[in-house]
């Protein structure tokens, strides 16, 4: 469902419209999807010791 929310937002669909289209969702779900996407996009450095 995260990808559905993000796809809709990327297409310019408002949060209110998303909530109307998917009545099982709450506003907090949309915020969580955005936070999850932000976390996945962060760059991380990993130390590798040989």
N, C-alpha and C. Protein backbone atom coordinates (compact mmCIF):
# COMPACT_ATOMS: atom_id res chain seq x y z
N UNK A 1 0.82 -1.19 0.00
CA UNK A 1 0.00 0.00 0.00
C UNK A 1 0.86 1.26 0.00
N UNK A 2 2.09 1.15 0.49
CA UNK A 2 2.99 2.30 0.48
C UNK A 2 3.18 2.81 -0.93
N UNK A 3 3.41 1.91 -1.87
CA UNK A 3 3.64 2.33 -3.26
C UNK A 3 2.39 2.99 -3.85
N UNK A 4 1.22 2.52 -3.48
CA UNK A 4 -0.03 3.12 -3.97
C UNK A 4 -0.14 4.55 -3.47
N UNK A 5 0.13 4.75 -2.20
CA UNK A 5 0.07 6.09 -1.62
C UNK A 5 1.08 7.01 -2.30
N UNK A 6 2.32 6.55 -2.43
CA UNK A 6 3.36 7.38 -3.02
C UNK A 6 3.09 7.66 -4.49
N UNK A 7 2.59 6.66 -5.23
CA UNK A 7 2.24 6.88 -6.64
C UNK A 7 1.17 7.95 -6.77
N UNK A 8 0.16 7.88 -5.92
CA UNK A 8 -0.91 8.87 -5.95
C UNK A 8 -0.39 10.26 -5.63
N UNK A 9 0.43 10.37 -4.60
CA UNK A 9 0.99 11.68 -4.25
C UNK A 9 1.86 12.22 -5.38
N UNK A 10 2.65 11.35 -6.01
CA UNK A 10 3.51 11.77 -7.11
C UNK A 10 2.69 12.27 -8.30
N UNK A 11 1.49 11.73 -8.46
CA UNK A 11 0.61 12.15 -9.56
C UNK A 11 -0.17 13.41 -9.22
N UNK A 12 0.02 13.91 -8.01
CA UNK A 12 -0.66 15.15 -7.61
C UNK A 12 -2.01 14.94 -6.96
N UNK A 13 -2.33 13.70 -6.61
CA UNK A 13 -3.59 13.42 -5.93
C UNK A 13 -3.46 13.92 -4.49
N UNK A 14 -4.46 14.64 -4.03
CA UNK A 14 -4.39 15.20 -2.68
C UNK A 14 -4.59 14.10 -1.64
N UNK A 15 -4.14 14.39 -0.44
CA UNK A 15 -4.30 13.44 0.65
C UNK A 15 -5.78 13.15 0.90
N UNK A 16 -6.61 14.17 0.79
CA UNK A 16 -8.04 13.99 0.99
C UNK A 16 -8.63 13.05 -0.06
N UNK A 17 -8.19 13.19 -1.30
CA UNK A 17 -8.68 12.32 -2.37
C UNK A 17 -8.23 10.87 -2.15
N UNK A 18 -7.00 10.70 -1.69
CA UNK A 18 -6.50 9.35 -1.40
C UNK A 18 -7.35 8.72 -0.31
N UNK A 19 -7.65 9.47 0.72
CA UNK A 19 -8.45 8.94 1.82
C UNK A 19 -9.87 8.59 1.37
N UNK A 20 -10.42 9.35 0.44
CA UNK A 20 -11.75 9.03 -0.11
C UNK A 20 -11.69 7.76 -0.94
N UNK A 21 -10.62 7.59 -1.71
CA UNK A 21 -10.49 6.42 -2.58
C UNK A 21 -10.20 5.14 -1.80
N UNK A 22 -9.53 5.29 -0.67
CA UNK A 22 -9.14 4.14 0.15
C UNK A 22 -9.63 4.39 1.58
N UNK A 23 -10.90 4.12 1.83
CA UNK A 23 -11.49 4.47 3.14
C UNK A 23 -10.86 3.77 4.34
N UNK A 24 -10.13 2.69 4.11
CA UNK A 24 -9.48 2.01 5.25
C UNK A 24 -8.24 2.76 5.72
N UNK A 25 -7.75 3.70 4.91
CA UNK A 25 -6.56 4.47 5.28
C UNK A 25 -6.92 5.63 6.19
N UNK A 26 -5.92 6.04 6.97
CA UNK A 26 -6.04 7.23 7.80
C UNK A 26 -4.92 8.19 7.39
N UNK A 27 -5.06 9.44 7.78
CA UNK A 27 -4.04 10.44 7.46
C UNK A 27 -2.67 9.99 7.96
N UNK A 28 -2.65 9.36 9.12
CA UNK A 28 -1.39 8.89 9.70
C UNK A 28 -0.72 7.85 8.80
N UNK A 29 -1.51 7.07 8.07
CA UNK A 29 -0.96 6.08 7.14
C UNK A 29 -0.20 6.76 6.00
N UNK A 30 -0.74 7.86 5.52
CA UNK A 30 -0.07 8.61 4.46
C UNK A 30 1.25 9.18 4.97
N UNK A 31 1.23 9.75 6.16
CA UNK A 31 2.46 10.28 6.74
C UNK A 31 3.49 9.18 6.95
N UNK A 32 3.03 8.00 7.38
CA UNK A 32 3.94 6.87 7.60
C UNK A 32 4.56 6.41 6.29
N UNK A 33 3.78 6.40 5.21
CA UNK A 33 4.31 6.00 3.90
C UNK A 33 5.39 6.97 3.44
N UNK A 34 5.17 8.24 3.65
CA UNK A 34 6.16 9.25 3.27
C UNK A 34 7.42 9.10 4.11
N UNK A 35 7.25 8.88 5.40
CA UNK A 35 8.40 8.69 6.30
C UNK A 35 9.19 7.44 5.91
N UNK A 36 8.49 6.39 5.55
CA UNK A 36 9.15 5.15 5.14
C UNK A 36 9.96 5.37 3.87
N UNK A 37 9.39 6.06 2.90
CA UNK A 37 10.10 6.36 1.66
C UNK A 37 11.33 7.23 1.93
N UNK A 38 11.18 8.18 2.82
CA UNK A 38 12.32 9.04 3.17
C UNK A 38 13.44 8.22 3.80
N UNK A 39 13.07 7.29 4.67
CA UNK A 39 14.07 6.44 5.31
C UNK A 39 14.80 5.58 4.28
N UNK A 40 14.08 5.04 3.33
CA UNK A 40 14.70 4.20 2.31
C UNK A 40 15.64 4.99 1.39
N UNK A 41 15.39 6.27 1.26
CA UNK A 41 16.19 7.07 0.33
C UNK A 41 17.46 7.65 0.97
N UNK A 42 17.61 7.48 2.28
CA UNK A 42 18.80 8.00 2.96
C UNK A 42 20.04 7.20 2.58
N UNK A 43 21.12 7.93 2.38
CA UNK A 43 22.39 7.26 2.10
C UNK A 43 23.03 6.86 3.41
N UNK A 44 23.63 5.70 3.40
CA UNK A 44 24.30 5.21 4.59
C UNK A 44 25.70 4.73 4.21
N UNK A 45 26.62 4.97 5.10
CA UNK A 45 27.97 4.46 4.93
C UNK A 45 28.13 3.24 5.83
N UNK A 46 28.64 2.20 5.27
CA UNK A 46 28.85 0.98 6.04
C UNK A 46 30.32 0.66 6.04
N UNK A 47 30.90 0.53 7.22
CA UNK A 47 32.31 0.18 7.33
C UNK A 47 32.47 -1.32 7.14
N UNK A 48 33.41 -1.67 6.30
CA UNK A 48 33.70 -3.08 6.08
C UNK A 48 35.16 -3.31 6.48
N UNK A 49 35.35 -4.17 7.45
CA UNK A 49 36.70 -4.48 7.88
C UNK A 49 37.09 -5.84 7.34
N UNK A 50 38.30 -5.90 6.88
CA UNK A 50 38.77 -7.17 6.29
C UNK A 50 39.53 -7.98 7.29
